[in-house]
Amino acid sequence: MIEVKDLYLKYIREYYALYNINLKIEEGECVAFTGEKHSGRTTLLRSIAGLEKFDKGEIFINGRDVKKIDFSTDINLGYIPVVPVFFDNKSVYENLKYILVERKINKNEIESRINQLLIDFKIEKYKNIKIQDLDLYEKYLISFVRLLLRPINILLVDNIFSKLNSDEANAFITLIKDYFVSKNVTTIIVSDKFEDVKDICTREIHFVSGSIV
């Protein structure tokens, strides 16, 4: 379960990015954070992921204070940001390999796991292509595949659907449903409209000016 209590976050003295946020998300639930740009959706998502320093309040994941969690070892959380994070001048294979090397997986298993995922997703042709030569949807797809190289108990997806055409967005929704939501992975998706994610999200949490309404 994810629980947010009395959360406040300011970037400048006069402006609260998050104001008095109280929220509970049950284990296995899939919810949507909706609202206008700069309404606080992504800031809360990043706070849950331990990427933002908030001024007041608490966030707990499975009863543990986010401020005390080591996200590299203590919790299996996956995050897909709007701007994909890669070594852009390295190949798809090298980027995927990096994750497994960091987790001290042996060389033969690395090769086997990556090749199998590339086959499963029918993207073998991307193996030796540099990330910088992919389009945005392809980068999101590789981000998704990268998550599957390790266990994931919580999935956070920023507002990527605003960057995709309808066919790409629908394809990505299906991937999230098949690989995470159907397996009861706690999932939070930032979206401009609940309509875009209603097929997988059971609850809408709407933000206005840093507050939940």
N, C-alpha and C. Protein backbone atom coordinates (compact mmCIF):
# COMPACT_ATOMS: atom_id res chain seq x y z
N MET A 1 0.83 -1.20 0.00
CA MET A 1 0.00 0.00 0.00
C MET A 1 0.87 1.25 0.00
N ILE A 2 0.40 2.28 -0.68
CA ILE A 2 1.06 3.59 -0.69
C ILE A 2 0.18 4.56 0.09
N GLU A 3 0.76 5.23 1.05
CA GLU A 3 -0.01 6.19 1.85
C GLU A 3 0.73 7.52 1.90
N VAL A 4 0.01 8.59 1.60
CA VAL A 4 0.55 9.94 1.63
C VAL A 4 -0.20 10.72 2.70
N LYS A 5 0.54 11.36 3.61
CA LYS A 5 -0.08 12.06 4.73
C LYS A 5 0.39 13.51 4.79
N ASP A 6 -0.56 14.43 4.70
CA ASP A 6 -0.31 15.86 4.93
C ASP A 6 0.93 16.36 4.19
N LEU A 7 1.00 16.07 2.91
CA LEU A 7 2.21 16.36 2.13
C LEU A 7 2.17 17.77 1.55
N TYR A 8 3.28 18.49 1.71
CA TYR A 8 3.45 19.82 1.14
C TYR A 8 4.81 19.87 0.45
N LEU A 9 4.86 20.50 -0.71
CA LEU A 9 6.12 20.67 -1.42
C LEU A 9 6.11 22.01 -2.14
N LYS A 10 7.15 22.80 -1.90
CA LYS A 10 7.28 24.11 -2.55
C LYS A 10 8.56 24.16 -3.36
N TYR A 11 8.48 24.70 -4.57
CA TYR A 11 9.67 24.96 -5.36
C TYR A 11 10.18 26.39 -5.12
N ILE A 12 9.23 27.31 -4.92
CA ILE A 12 9.58 28.68 -4.55
C ILE A 12 8.68 29.08 -3.39
N ARG A 13 9.03 30.14 -2.68
CA ARG A 13 8.34 30.50 -1.45
C ARG A 13 6.84 30.71 -1.64
N GLU A 14 6.45 31.30 -2.76
CA GLU A 14 5.05 31.67 -2.94
C GLU A 14 4.21 30.58 -3.60
N TYR A 15 4.83 29.48 -4.02
CA TYR A 15 4.12 28.52 -4.86
C TYR A 15 4.25 27.10 -4.32
N TYR A 16 3.10 26.49 -4.00
CA TYR A 16 3.08 25.10 -3.58
C TYR A 16 2.83 24.21 -4.80
N ALA A 17 3.79 23.34 -5.09
CA ALA A 17 3.56 22.34 -6.13
C ALA A 17 2.62 21.26 -5.63
N LEU A 18 2.69 20.96 -4.32
CA LEU A 18 1.77 20.04 -3.67
C LEU A 18 1.31 20.67 -2.36
N TYR A 19 0.00 20.60 -2.11
CA TYR A 19 -0.56 21.27 -0.93
C TYR A 19 -1.54 20.34 -0.22
N ASN A 20 -1.17 19.95 1.00
CA ASN A 20 -2.05 19.16 1.86
C ASN A 20 -2.58 17.90 1.16
N ILE A 21 -1.66 17.09 0.65
CA ILE A 21 -2.03 15.87 -0.06
C ILE A 21 -2.19 14.71 0.93
N ASN A 22 -3.37 14.11 0.92
CA ASN A 22 -3.66 12.91 1.72
C ASN A 22 -4.26 11.86 0.78
N LEU A 23 -3.67 10.67 0.79
CA LEU A 23 -4.04 9.69 -0.22
C LEU A 23 -3.63 8.29 0.21
N LYS A 24 -4.48 7.31 -0.12
CA LYS A 24 -4.13 5.91 0.07
C LYS A 24 -4.37 5.16 -1.23
N ILE A 25 -3.41 4.36 -1.62
CA ILE A 25 -3.54 3.50 -2.80
C ILE A 25 -3.28 2.08 -2.33
N GLU A 26 -4.28 1.23 -2.49
CA GLU A 26 -4.18 -0.13 -1.98
C GLU A 26 -3.25 -0.99 -2.84
N GLU A 27 -2.71 -2.02 -2.25
CA GLU A 27 -1.85 -2.95 -2.97
C GLU A 27 -2.63 -3.59 -4.13
N GLY A 28 -2.06 -3.58 -5.31
CA GLY A 28 -2.69 -4.16 -6.49
C GLY A 28 -3.66 -3.24 -7.21
N GLU A 29 -3.86 -2.03 -6.70
CA GLU A 29 -4.78 -1.08 -7.32
C GLU A 29 -4.10 -0.35 -8.48
N CYS A 30 -4.88 0.02 -9.50
CA CYS A 30 -4.38 0.83 -10.61
C CYS A 30 -5.17 2.13 -10.63
N VAL A 31 -4.49 3.25 -10.40
CA VAL A 31 -5.17 4.54 -10.32
C VAL A 31 -4.56 5.52 -11.33
N ALA A 32 -5.35 6.54 -11.68
CA ALA A 32 -4.90 7.58 -12.59
C ALA A 32 -4.79 8.90 -11.85
N PHE A 33 -3.67 9.60 -12.03
CA PHE A 33 -3.51 10.97 -11.58
C PHE A 33 -3.83 11.85 -12.78
N THR A 34 -4.93 12.61 -12.71
CA THR A 34 -5.32 13.46 -13.82
C THR A 34 -5.28 14.93 -13.42
N GLY A 35 -5.33 15.81 -14.42
CA GLY A 35 -5.31 17.25 -14.17
C GLY A 35 -4.56 17.97 -15.27
N GLU A 36 -4.54 19.28 -15.16
CA GLU A 36 -3.83 20.11 -16.12
C GLU A 36 -2.33 20.03 -15.89
N LYS A 37 -1.57 20.51 -16.85
CA LYS A 37 -0.12 20.61 -16.70
C LYS A 37 0.21 21.47 -15.49
N HIS A 38 1.23 21.07 -14.74
CA HIS A 38 1.67 21.77 -13.52
C HIS A 38 0.63 21.71 -12.39
N SER A 39 -0.24 20.73 -12.42
CA SER A 39 -1.25 20.61 -11.36
C SER A 39 -0.74 19.82 -10.16
N GLY A 40 0.42 19.19 -10.28
CA GLY A 40 0.99 18.44 -9.16
C GLY A 40 1.06 16.95 -9.39
N ARG A 41 0.51 16.48 -10.50
CA ARG A 41 0.46 15.03 -10.77
C ARG A 41 1.85 14.40 -10.80
N THR A 42 2.71 14.94 -11.64
CA THR A 42 4.04 14.37 -11.80
C THR A 42 4.89 14.60 -10.55
N THR A 43 4.71 15.73 -9.89
CA THR A 43 5.48 16.00 -8.67
C THR A 43 5.17 14.95 -7.60
N LEU A 44 3.90 14.58 -7.45
CA LEU A 44 3.57 13.55 -6.48
C LEU A 44 4.12 12.19 -6.91
N LEU A 45 4.02 11.90 -8.20
CA LEU A 45 4.58 10.64 -8.71
C LEU A 45 6.07 10.55 -8.39
N ARG A 46 6.79 11.62 -8.65
CA ARG A 46 8.23 11.65 -8.39
C ARG A 46 8.52 11.60 -6.89
N SER A 47 7.66 12.17 -6.09
CA SER A 47 7.84 12.11 -4.64
C SER A 47 7.69 10.68 -4.14
N ILE A 48 6.72 9.95 -4.68
CA ILE A 48 6.54 8.55 -4.32
C ILE A 48 7.75 7.73 -4.71
N ALA A 49 8.36 8.09 -5.83
CA ALA A 49 9.55 7.38 -6.32
C ALA A 49 10.83 7.80 -5.61
N GLY A 50 10.72 8.73 -4.67
CA GLY A 50 11.89 9.19 -3.93
C GLY A 50 12.75 10.17 -4.68
N LEU A 51 12.19 10.82 -5.71
CA LEU A 51 12.96 11.72 -6.57
C LEU A 51 12.76 13.19 -6.24
N GLU A 52 11.85 13.49 -5.32
CA GLU A 52 11.60 14.87 -4.92
C GLU A 52 11.73 14.99 -3.41
N LYS A 53 12.28 16.09 -2.93
CA LYS A 53 12.39 16.37 -1.51
C LYS A 53 11.23 17.27 -1.11
N PHE A 54 10.33 16.75 -0.30
CA PHE A 54 9.16 17.54 0.09
C PHE A 54 9.42 18.26 1.41
N ASP A 55 8.62 19.33 1.64
CA ASP A 55 8.86 20.21 2.79
C ASP A 55 8.21 19.70 4.07
N LYS A 56 7.07 19.04 3.93
CA LYS A 56 6.32 18.63 5.12
C LYS A 56 5.46 17.43 4.75
N GLY A 57 5.23 16.56 5.73
CA GLY A 57 4.37 15.40 5.50
C GLY A 57 5.17 14.11 5.39
N GLU A 58 4.45 13.04 5.04
CA GLU A 58 5.06 11.72 5.00
C GLU A 58 4.51 10.90 3.83
N ILE A 59 5.35 10.04 3.30
CA ILE A 59 4.93 9.04 2.31
C ILE A 59 5.42 7.68 2.79
N PHE A 60 4.51 6.72 2.81
CA PHE A 60 4.85 5.37 3.22
C PHE A 60 4.55 4.39 2.09
N ILE A 61 5.48 3.49 1.84
CA ILE A 61 5.26 2.39 0.90
C ILE A 61 5.36 1.09 1.69
N ASN A 62 4.26 0.38 1.74
CA ASN A 62 4.19 -0.86 2.54
C ASN A 62 4.67 -0.61 3.97
N GLY A 63 4.24 0.54 4.51
CA GLY A 63 4.55 0.88 5.89
C GLY A 63 5.92 1.47 6.13
N ARG A 64 6.71 1.62 5.09
CA ARG A 64 8.06 2.16 5.24
C ARG A 64 8.14 3.59 4.75
N ASP A 65 8.80 4.42 5.51
CA ASP A 65 8.97 5.83 5.17
C ASP A 65 9.84 5.94 3.91
N VAL A 66 9.32 6.66 2.90
CA VAL A 66 10.06 6.83 1.64
C VAL A 66 11.45 7.41 1.87
N LYS A 67 11.57 8.29 2.85
CA LYS A 67 12.86 8.94 3.10
C LYS A 67 13.91 7.94 3.60
N LYS A 68 13.48 6.78 4.06
CA LYS A 68 14.41 5.79 4.59
C LYS A 68 14.58 4.58 3.67
N ILE A 69 13.91 4.63 2.51
CA ILE A 69 13.98 3.51 1.58
C ILE A 69 15.16 3.67 0.63
N ASP A 70 15.92 2.60 0.44
CA ASP A 70 16.93 2.55 -0.61
C ASP A 70 16.25 1.89 -1.82
N PHE A 71 15.95 2.70 -2.84
CA PHE A 71 15.16 2.19 -3.97
C PHE A 71 15.93 1.21 -4.83
N SER A 72 17.24 1.11 -4.62
CA SER A 72 18.02 0.16 -5.41
C SER A 72 17.97 -1.25 -4.81
N THR A 73 17.63 -1.34 -3.52
CA THR A 73 17.66 -2.65 -2.87
C THR A 73 16.41 -2.98 -2.07
N ASP A 74 15.71 -1.97 -1.56
CA ASP A 74 14.64 -2.21 -0.60
C ASP A 74 13.27 -2.45 -1.22
N ILE A 75 13.07 -2.00 -2.45
CA ILE A 75 11.73 -2.06 -3.03
C ILE A 75 11.84 -2.22 -4.55
N ASN A 76 10.93 -2.98 -5.12
CA ASN A 76 10.94 -3.22 -6.57
C ASN A 76 9.96 -2.25 -7.24
N LEU A 77 10.45 -1.06 -7.54
CA LEU A 77 9.63 -0.01 -8.13
C LEU A 77 10.13 0.30 -9.52
N GLY A 78 9.23 0.37 -10.48
CA GLY A 78 9.56 0.74 -11.84
C GLY A 78 8.94 2.07 -12.20
N TYR A 79 9.69 2.92 -12.91
CA TYR A 79 9.23 4.27 -13.24
C TYR A 79 9.52 4.55 -14.71
N ILE A 80 8.48 4.93 -15.43
CA ILE A 80 8.64 5.34 -16.83
C ILE A 80 8.37 6.84 -16.92
N PRO A 81 9.41 7.67 -17.05
CA PRO A 81 9.22 9.12 -17.12
C PRO A 81 8.86 9.58 -18.52
N VAL A 82 8.42 10.81 -18.63
CA VAL A 82 8.08 11.38 -19.94
C VAL A 82 9.31 11.45 -20.83
N VAL A 83 10.44 11.83 -20.25
CA VAL A 83 11.70 11.87 -20.99
C VAL A 83 12.48 10.61 -20.65
N PRO A 84 12.57 9.66 -21.60
CA PRO A 84 13.25 8.40 -21.32
C PRO A 84 14.70 8.61 -20.91
N VAL A 85 15.15 7.81 -19.95
CA VAL A 85 16.52 7.93 -19.44
C VAL A 85 17.34 6.74 -19.90
N PHE A 86 18.34 7.01 -20.73
CA PHE A 86 19.21 5.98 -21.28
C PHE A 86 20.63 6.54 -21.44
N PHE A 87 21.55 5.65 -21.77
CA PHE A 87 22.83 6.07 -22.35
C PHE A 87 22.57 6.20 -23.85
N ASP A 88 22.33 7.42 -24.30
CA ASP A 88 21.83 7.63 -25.66
C ASP A 88 22.79 7.18 -26.75
N ASN A 89 24.09 7.24 -26.47
CA ASN A 89 25.07 6.89 -27.51
C ASN A 89 25.44 5.40 -27.48
N LYS A 90 24.72 4.64 -26.65
CA LYS A 90 24.94 3.20 -26.60
C LYS A 90 23.74 2.46 -27.19
N SER A 91 23.95 1.22 -27.56
CA SER A 91 22.90 0.45 -28.23
C SER A 91 21.81 0.01 -27.25
N VAL A 92 20.71 -0.45 -27.82
CA VAL A 92 19.63 -1.01 -27.00
C VAL A 92 20.17 -2.14 -26.14
N TYR A 93 20.92 -3.04 -26.76
CA TYR A 93 21.47 -4.18 -26.01
C TYR A 93 22.36 -3.71 -24.86
N GLU A 94 23.22 -2.74 -25.11
CA GLU A 94 24.12 -2.25 -24.06
C GLU A 94 23.35 -1.61 -22.91
N ASN A 95 22.27 -0.91 -23.23
CA ASN A 95 21.45 -0.31 -22.17
C ASN A 95 20.74 -1.37 -21.33
N LEU A 96 20.23 -2.40 -21.99
CA LEU A 96 19.56 -3.46 -21.25
C LEU A 96 20.57 -4.27 -20.43
N LYS A 97 21.72 -4.51 -21.01
CA LYS A 97 22.77 -5.27 -20.33
C LYS A 97 23.22 -4.58 -19.05
N TYR A 98 23.28 -3.27 -19.08
CA TYR A 98 23.75 -2.51 -17.93
C TYR A 98 22.96 -2.84 -16.67
N ILE A 99 21.64 -2.95 -16.81
CA ILE A 99 20.78 -3.26 -15.65
C ILE A 99 21.16 -4.60 -15.04
N LEU A 100 21.38 -5.59 -15.88
CA LEU A 100 21.68 -6.94 -15.40
C LEU A 100 23.09 -7.04 -14.83
N VAL A 101 24.02 -6.32 -15.42
CA VAL A 101 25.38 -6.30 -14.89
C VAL A 101 25.38 -5.69 -13.48
N GLU A 102 24.61 -4.61 -13.32
CA GLU A 102 24.50 -3.97 -12.02
C GLU A 102 23.94 -4.92 -10.97
N ARG A 103 23.08 -5.84 -11.41
CA ARG A 103 22.46 -6.81 -10.50
C ARG A 103 23.28 -8.09 -10.41
N LYS A 104 24.49 -8.04 -11.00
CA LYS A 104 25.46 -9.15 -10.91
C LYS A 104 24.92 -10.48 -11.48
N ILE A 105 24.19 -10.36 -12.60
CA ILE A 105 23.72 -11.54 -13.31
C ILE A 105 24.87 -12.07 -14.18
N ASN A 106 25.01 -13.39 -14.29
CA ASN A 106 26.13 -13.93 -15.05
C ASN A 106 25.95 -13.69 -16.55
N LYS A 107 27.07 -13.70 -17.26
CA LYS A 107 27.11 -13.29 -18.67
C LYS A 107 26.16 -14.10 -19.55
N ASN A 108 26.13 -15.42 -19.38
CA ASN A 108 25.27 -16.26 -20.22
C ASN A 108 23.79 -15.97 -19.99
N GLU A 109 23.43 -15.74 -18.75
CA GLU A 109 22.03 -15.44 -18.44
C GLU A 109 21.64 -14.07 -18.97
N ILE A 110 22.56 -13.12 -18.92
CA ILE A 110 22.29 -11.79 -19.48
C ILE A 110 21.92 -11.91 -20.95
N GLU A 111 22.74 -12.62 -21.70
CA GLU A 111 22.51 -12.78 -23.13
C GLU A 111 21.17 -13.45 -23.39
N SER A 112 20.88 -14.49 -22.63
CA SER A 112 19.65 -15.25 -22.81
C SER A 112 18.41 -14.42 -22.49
N ARG A 113 18.44 -13.71 -21.38
CA ARG A 113 17.27 -12.93 -20.96
C ARG A 113 16.98 -11.79 -21.91
N ILE A 114 18.02 -11.09 -22.34
CA ILE A 114 17.81 -9.97 -23.26
C ILE A 114 17.30 -10.47 -24.61
N ASN A 115 17.94 -11.49 -25.13
CA ASN A 115 17.51 -12.01 -26.43
C ASN A 115 16.07 -12.50 -26.41
N GLN A 116 15.67 -13.13 -25.31
CA GLN A 116 14.31 -13.64 -25.22
C GLN A 116 13.30 -12.51 -25.19
N LEU A 117 13.60 -11.44 -24.48
CA LEU A 117 12.69 -10.30 -24.45
C LEU A 117 12.59 -9.63 -25.82
N LEU A 118 13.72 -9.50 -26.49
CA LEU A 118 13.70 -8.90 -27.83
C LEU A 118 12.84 -9.73 -28.78
N ILE A 119 12.92 -11.05 -28.64
CA ILE A 119 12.08 -11.94 -29.47
C ILE A 119 10.62 -11.81 -29.08
N ASP A 120 10.33 -11.83 -27.77
CA ASP A 120 8.95 -11.75 -27.28
C ASP A 120 8.25 -10.48 -27.78
N PHE A 121 8.99 -9.38 -27.83
CA PHE A 121 8.41 -8.10 -28.24
C PHE A 121 8.63 -7.80 -29.72
N LYS A 122 9.23 -8.77 -30.42
CA LYS A 122 9.47 -8.62 -31.87
C LYS A 122 10.28 -7.37 -32.18
N ILE A 123 11.31 -7.15 -31.40
CA ILE A 123 12.15 -5.97 -31.60
C ILE A 123 13.62 -6.36 -31.71
N GLU A 124 13.89 -7.56 -32.22
CA GLU A 124 15.27 -7.99 -32.40
C GLU A 124 16.07 -7.02 -33.26
N LYS A 125 15.37 -6.36 -34.20
CA LYS A 125 16.06 -5.45 -35.13
C LYS A 125 16.66 -4.24 -34.42
N TYR A 126 16.19 -3.95 -33.19
CA TYR A 126 16.70 -2.79 -32.47
C TYR A 126 17.96 -3.11 -31.65
N LYS A 127 18.33 -4.36 -31.57
CA LYS A 127 19.37 -4.79 -30.63
C LYS A 127 20.63 -3.95 -30.70
N ASN A 128 21.13 -3.68 -31.89
CA ASN A 128 22.41 -2.98 -32.04
C ASN A 128 22.25 -1.53 -32.48
N ILE A 129 21.02 -1.04 -32.43
CA ILE A 129 20.75 0.35 -32.78
C ILE A 129 20.97 1.23 -31.56
N LYS A 130 21.59 2.38 -31.75
CA LYS A 130 21.80 3.31 -30.64
C LYS A 130 20.46 3.93 -30.23
N ILE A 131 20.31 4.15 -28.94
CA ILE A 131 19.08 4.74 -28.41
C ILE A 131 18.76 6.06 -29.09
N GLN A 132 19.78 6.85 -29.36
CA GLN A 132 19.55 8.18 -29.95
C GLN A 132 18.95 8.10 -31.35
N ASP A 133 18.97 6.93 -31.96
CA ASP A 133 18.41 6.77 -33.30
C ASP A 133 16.98 6.22 -33.29
N LEU A 134 16.42 6.02 -32.12
CA LEU A 134 15.04 5.54 -32.01
C LEU A 134 14.07 6.71 -31.92
N ASP A 135 12.82 6.47 -32.34
CA ASP A 135 11.80 7.51 -32.13
C ASP A 135 11.27 7.38 -30.70
N LEU A 136 10.39 8.29 -30.30
CA LEU A 136 9.96 8.36 -28.90
C LEU A 136 9.20 7.10 -28.47
N TYR A 137 8.31 6.62 -29.32
CA TYR A 137 7.57 5.41 -28.95
C TYR A 137 8.52 4.23 -28.76
N GLU A 138 9.49 4.12 -29.63
CA GLU A 138 10.46 3.03 -29.50
C GLU A 138 11.26 3.14 -28.20
N LYS A 139 11.58 4.36 -27.81
CA LYS A 139 12.29 4.56 -26.54
C LYS A 139 11.41 4.16 -25.36
N TYR A 140 10.12 4.53 -25.42
CA TYR A 140 9.21 4.11 -24.35
C TYR A 140 9.10 2.59 -24.31
N LEU A 141 9.08 1.97 -25.48
CA LEU A 141 8.98 0.51 -25.54
C LEU A 141 10.21 -0.15 -24.92
N ILE A 142 11.38 0.38 -25.20
CA ILE A 142 12.59 -0.17 -24.61
C ILE A 142 12.61 0.08 -23.10
N SER A 143 12.08 1.22 -22.67
CA SER A 143 11.94 1.49 -21.23
C SER A 143 11.08 0.43 -20.57
N PHE A 144 10.00 0.07 -21.25
CA PHE A 144 9.08 -0.94 -20.73
C PHE A 144 9.77 -2.30 -20.66
N VAL A 145 10.44 -2.68 -21.74
CA VAL A 145 11.15 -3.96 -21.78
C VAL A 145 12.20 -4.02 -20.67
N ARG A 146 12.88 -2.92 -20.45
CA ARG A 146 13.91 -2.88 -19.41
C ARG A 146 13.33 -3.20 -18.03
N LEU A 147 12.10 -2.76 -17.76
CA LEU A 147 11.46 -3.07 -16.48
C LEU A 147 11.28 -4.57 -16.27
N LEU A 148 11.09 -5.28 -17.36
CA LEU A 148 10.81 -6.71 -17.26
C LEU A 148 12.05 -7.54 -16.94
N LEU A 149 13.20 -6.89 -16.87
CA LEU A 149 14.43 -7.59 -16.53
C LEU A 149 14.57 -7.81 -15.03
N ARG A 150 13.65 -7.24 -14.25
CA ARG A 150 13.69 -7.42 -12.80
C ARG A 150 12.27 -7.46 -12.25
N PRO A 151 12.09 -7.95 -11.02
CA PRO A 151 10.74 -7.98 -10.43
C PRO A 151 10.24 -6.55 -10.20
N ILE A 152 8.95 -6.34 -10.42
CA ILE A 152 8.34 -5.04 -10.19
C ILE A 152 7.07 -5.24 -9.34
N ASN A 153 7.00 -4.53 -8.21
CA ASN A 153 5.80 -4.57 -7.37
C ASN A 153 4.98 -3.30 -7.45
N ILE A 154 5.64 -2.20 -7.85
CA ILE A 154 4.96 -0.92 -8.02
C ILE A 154 5.42 -0.31 -9.34
N LEU A 155 4.45 0.09 -10.16
CA LEU A 155 4.76 0.71 -11.45
C LEU A 155 4.23 2.14 -11.47
N LEU A 156 5.10 3.08 -11.80
CA LEU A 156 4.73 4.49 -11.95
C LEU A 156 4.97 4.90 -13.39
N VAL A 157 3.93 5.43 -14.03
CA VAL A 157 4.04 5.84 -15.44
C VAL A 157 3.65 7.30 -15.54
N ASP A 158 4.58 8.15 -15.97
CA ASP A 158 4.26 9.56 -16.13
C ASP A 158 3.43 9.76 -17.39
N ASN A 159 3.17 10.99 -17.74
CA ASN A 159 2.19 11.34 -18.78
C ASN A 159 2.74 11.08 -20.19
N ILE A 160 3.10 9.83 -20.47
CA ILE A 160 3.66 9.48 -21.78
C ILE A 160 2.61 9.47 -22.88
N PHE A 161 1.35 9.27 -22.52
CA PHE A 161 0.30 9.11 -23.53
C PHE A 161 0.04 10.41 -24.29
N SER A 162 0.35 11.54 -23.67
CA SER A 162 0.19 12.83 -24.35
C SER A 162 1.20 12.98 -25.48
N LYS A 163 2.24 12.14 -25.48
CA LYS A 163 3.29 12.22 -26.49
C LYS A 163 3.10 11.22 -27.63
N LEU A 164 2.08 10.36 -27.51
CA LEU A 164 1.89 9.28 -28.48
C LEU A 164 0.62 9.47 -29.29
N ASN A 165 0.59 8.89 -30.50
CA ASN A 165 -0.66 8.89 -31.24
C ASN A 165 -1.59 7.84 -30.64
N SER A 166 -2.83 7.79 -31.09
CA SER A 166 -3.82 6.92 -30.46
C SER A 166 -3.46 5.45 -30.55
N ASP A 167 -2.92 5.02 -31.69
CA ASP A 167 -2.54 3.61 -31.84
C ASP A 167 -1.39 3.25 -30.90
N GLU A 168 -0.41 4.12 -30.79
CA GLU A 168 0.72 3.87 -29.90
C GLU A 168 0.27 3.85 -28.44
N ALA A 169 -0.60 4.81 -28.09
CA ALA A 169 -1.10 4.87 -26.72
C ALA A 169 -1.88 3.61 -26.37
N ASN A 170 -2.74 3.17 -27.26
CA ASN A 170 -3.53 1.96 -27.02
C ASN A 170 -2.64 0.73 -26.88
N ALA A 171 -1.60 0.67 -27.70
CA ALA A 171 -0.66 -0.45 -27.61
C ALA A 171 0.04 -0.46 -26.27
N PHE A 172 0.40 0.72 -25.78
CA PHE A 172 1.10 0.79 -24.50
C PHE A 172 0.17 0.46 -23.34
N ILE A 173 -1.08 0.90 -23.43
CA ILE A 173 -2.07 0.54 -22.41
C ILE A 173 -2.21 -0.97 -22.32
N THR A 174 -2.25 -1.62 -23.46
CA THR A 174 -2.37 -3.08 -23.48
C THR A 174 -1.16 -3.74 -22.83
N LEU A 175 0.03 -3.23 -23.09
CA LEU A 175 1.23 -3.77 -22.46
C LEU A 175 1.18 -3.64 -20.94
N ILE A 176 0.79 -2.47 -20.46
CA ILE A 176 0.69 -2.26 -19.01
C ILE A 176 -0.33 -3.20 -18.39
N LYS A 177 -1.45 -3.36 -19.08
CA LYS A 177 -2.49 -4.26 -18.58
C LYS A 177 -2.00 -5.70 -18.53
N ASP A 178 -1.39 -6.17 -19.61
CA ASP A 178 -1.00 -7.58 -19.70
C ASP A 178 0.15 -7.94 -18.78
N TYR A 179 1.11 -7.04 -18.62
CA TYR A 179 2.32 -7.39 -17.88
C TYR A 179 2.31 -6.93 -16.42
N PHE A 180 1.44 -5.97 -16.08
CA PHE A 180 1.46 -5.45 -14.72
C PHE A 180 0.09 -5.46 -14.04
N VAL A 181 -0.89 -4.78 -14.62
CA VAL A 181 -2.19 -4.67 -13.96
C VAL A 181 -2.83 -6.03 -13.77
N SER A 182 -2.75 -6.89 -14.78
CA SER A 182 -3.36 -8.23 -14.67
C SER A 182 -2.66 -9.09 -13.62
N LYS A 183 -1.46 -8.69 -13.23
CA LYS A 183 -0.70 -9.44 -12.21
C LYS A 183 -0.73 -8.73 -10.86
N ASN A 184 -1.69 -7.80 -10.72
CA ASN A 184 -1.92 -7.09 -9.46
C ASN A 184 -0.73 -6.28 -8.98
N VAL A 185 0.02 -5.73 -9.92
CA VAL A 185 1.09 -4.79 -9.58
C VAL A 185 0.45 -3.43 -9.30
N THR A 186 0.75 -2.85 -8.16
CA THR A 186 0.23 -1.52 -7.84
C THR A 186 0.72 -0.53 -8.89
N THR A 187 -0.22 0.17 -9.53
CA THR A 187 0.13 0.99 -10.70
C THR A 187 -0.48 2.39 -10.58
N ILE A 188 0.33 3.40 -10.84
CA ILE A 188 -0.14 4.79 -10.90
C ILE A 188 0.24 5.35 -12.26
N ILE A 189 -0.74 5.91 -12.95
CA ILE A 189 -0.52 6.46 -14.28
C ILE A 189 -0.94 7.92 -14.31
N VAL A 190 -0.05 8.80 -14.71
CA VAL A 190 -0.40 10.20 -14.93
C VAL A 190 -0.97 10.33 -16.33
N SER A 191 -2.14 10.98 -16.42
CA SER A 191 -2.80 11.13 -17.72
C SER A 191 -3.56 12.45 -17.77
N ASP A 192 -3.61 13.06 -18.95
CA ASP A 192 -4.39 14.29 -19.10
C ASP A 192 -5.87 14.02 -18.90
N LYS A 193 -6.34 12.86 -19.38
CA LYS A 193 -7.76 12.52 -19.29
C LYS A 193 -7.93 11.10 -18.77
N PHE A 194 -8.89 10.93 -17.89
CA PHE A 194 -9.18 9.59 -17.37
C PHE A 194 -9.67 8.68 -18.49
N GLU A 195 -10.33 9.26 -19.45
CA GLU A 195 -10.86 8.49 -20.59
C GLU A 195 -9.76 7.68 -21.26
N ASP A 196 -8.54 8.22 -21.29
CA ASP A 196 -7.44 7.55 -21.99
C ASP A 196 -6.96 6.28 -21.29
N VAL A 197 -7.23 6.19 -19.99
CA VAL A 197 -6.70 5.05 -19.20
C VAL A 197 -7.79 4.30 -18.45
N LYS A 198 -9.04 4.59 -18.75
CA LYS A 198 -10.15 3.99 -18.00
C LYS A 198 -10.24 2.48 -18.16
N ASP A 199 -9.63 1.94 -19.22
CA ASP A 199 -9.68 0.49 -19.43
C ASP A 199 -8.84 -0.28 -18.43
N ILE A 200 -7.88 0.40 -17.79
CA ILE A 200 -7.05 -0.30 -16.81
C ILE A 200 -7.09 0.34 -15.41
N CYS A 201 -7.42 1.63 -15.33
CA CYS A 201 -7.46 2.31 -14.02
C CYS A 201 -8.87 2.24 -13.44
N THR A 202 -8.96 1.88 -12.18
CA THR A 202 -10.26 1.76 -11.53
C THR A 202 -10.65 3.01 -10.74
N ARG A 203 -9.71 3.96 -10.63
CA ARG A 203 -10.00 5.15 -9.84
C ARG A 203 -9.25 6.34 -10.41
N GLU A 204 -9.91 7.50 -10.41
CA GLU A 204 -9.30 8.75 -10.87
C GLU A 204 -9.04 9.64 -9.67
N ILE A 205 -7.82 10.16 -9.60
CA ILE A 205 -7.45 11.13 -8.57
C ILE A 205 -7.09 12.42 -9.31
N HIS A 206 -7.93 13.45 -9.14
CA HIS A 206 -7.81 14.64 -9.96
C HIS A 206 -7.12 15.77 -9.20
N PHE A 207 -6.16 16.42 -9.87
CA PHE A 207 -5.35 17.48 -9.26
C PHE A 207 -5.71 18.84 -9.87
N VAL A 208 -5.76 19.85 -9.00
CA VAL A 208 -5.90 21.24 -9.43
C VAL A 208 -4.97 22.07 -8.56
N SER A 209 -4.04 22.77 -9.17
CA SER A 209 -3.14 23.69 -8.47
C SER A 209 -2.47 23.07 -7.25
N GLY A 210 -2.00 21.85 -7.41
CA GLY A 210 -1.25 21.21 -6.34
C GLY A 210 -2.07 20.49 -5.30
N SER A 211 -3.38 20.49 -5.45
CA SER A 211 -4.25 19.82 -4.49
C SER A 211 -5.12 18.77 -5.16
N ILE A 212 -5.55 17.79 -4.38
CA ILE A 212 -6.49 16.78 -4.89
C ILE A 212 -7.90 17.30 -4.68
N VAL A 213 -8.72 17.25 -5.73
CA VAL A 213 -10.10 17.73 -5.62
C VAL A 213 -11.07 16.61 -6.00
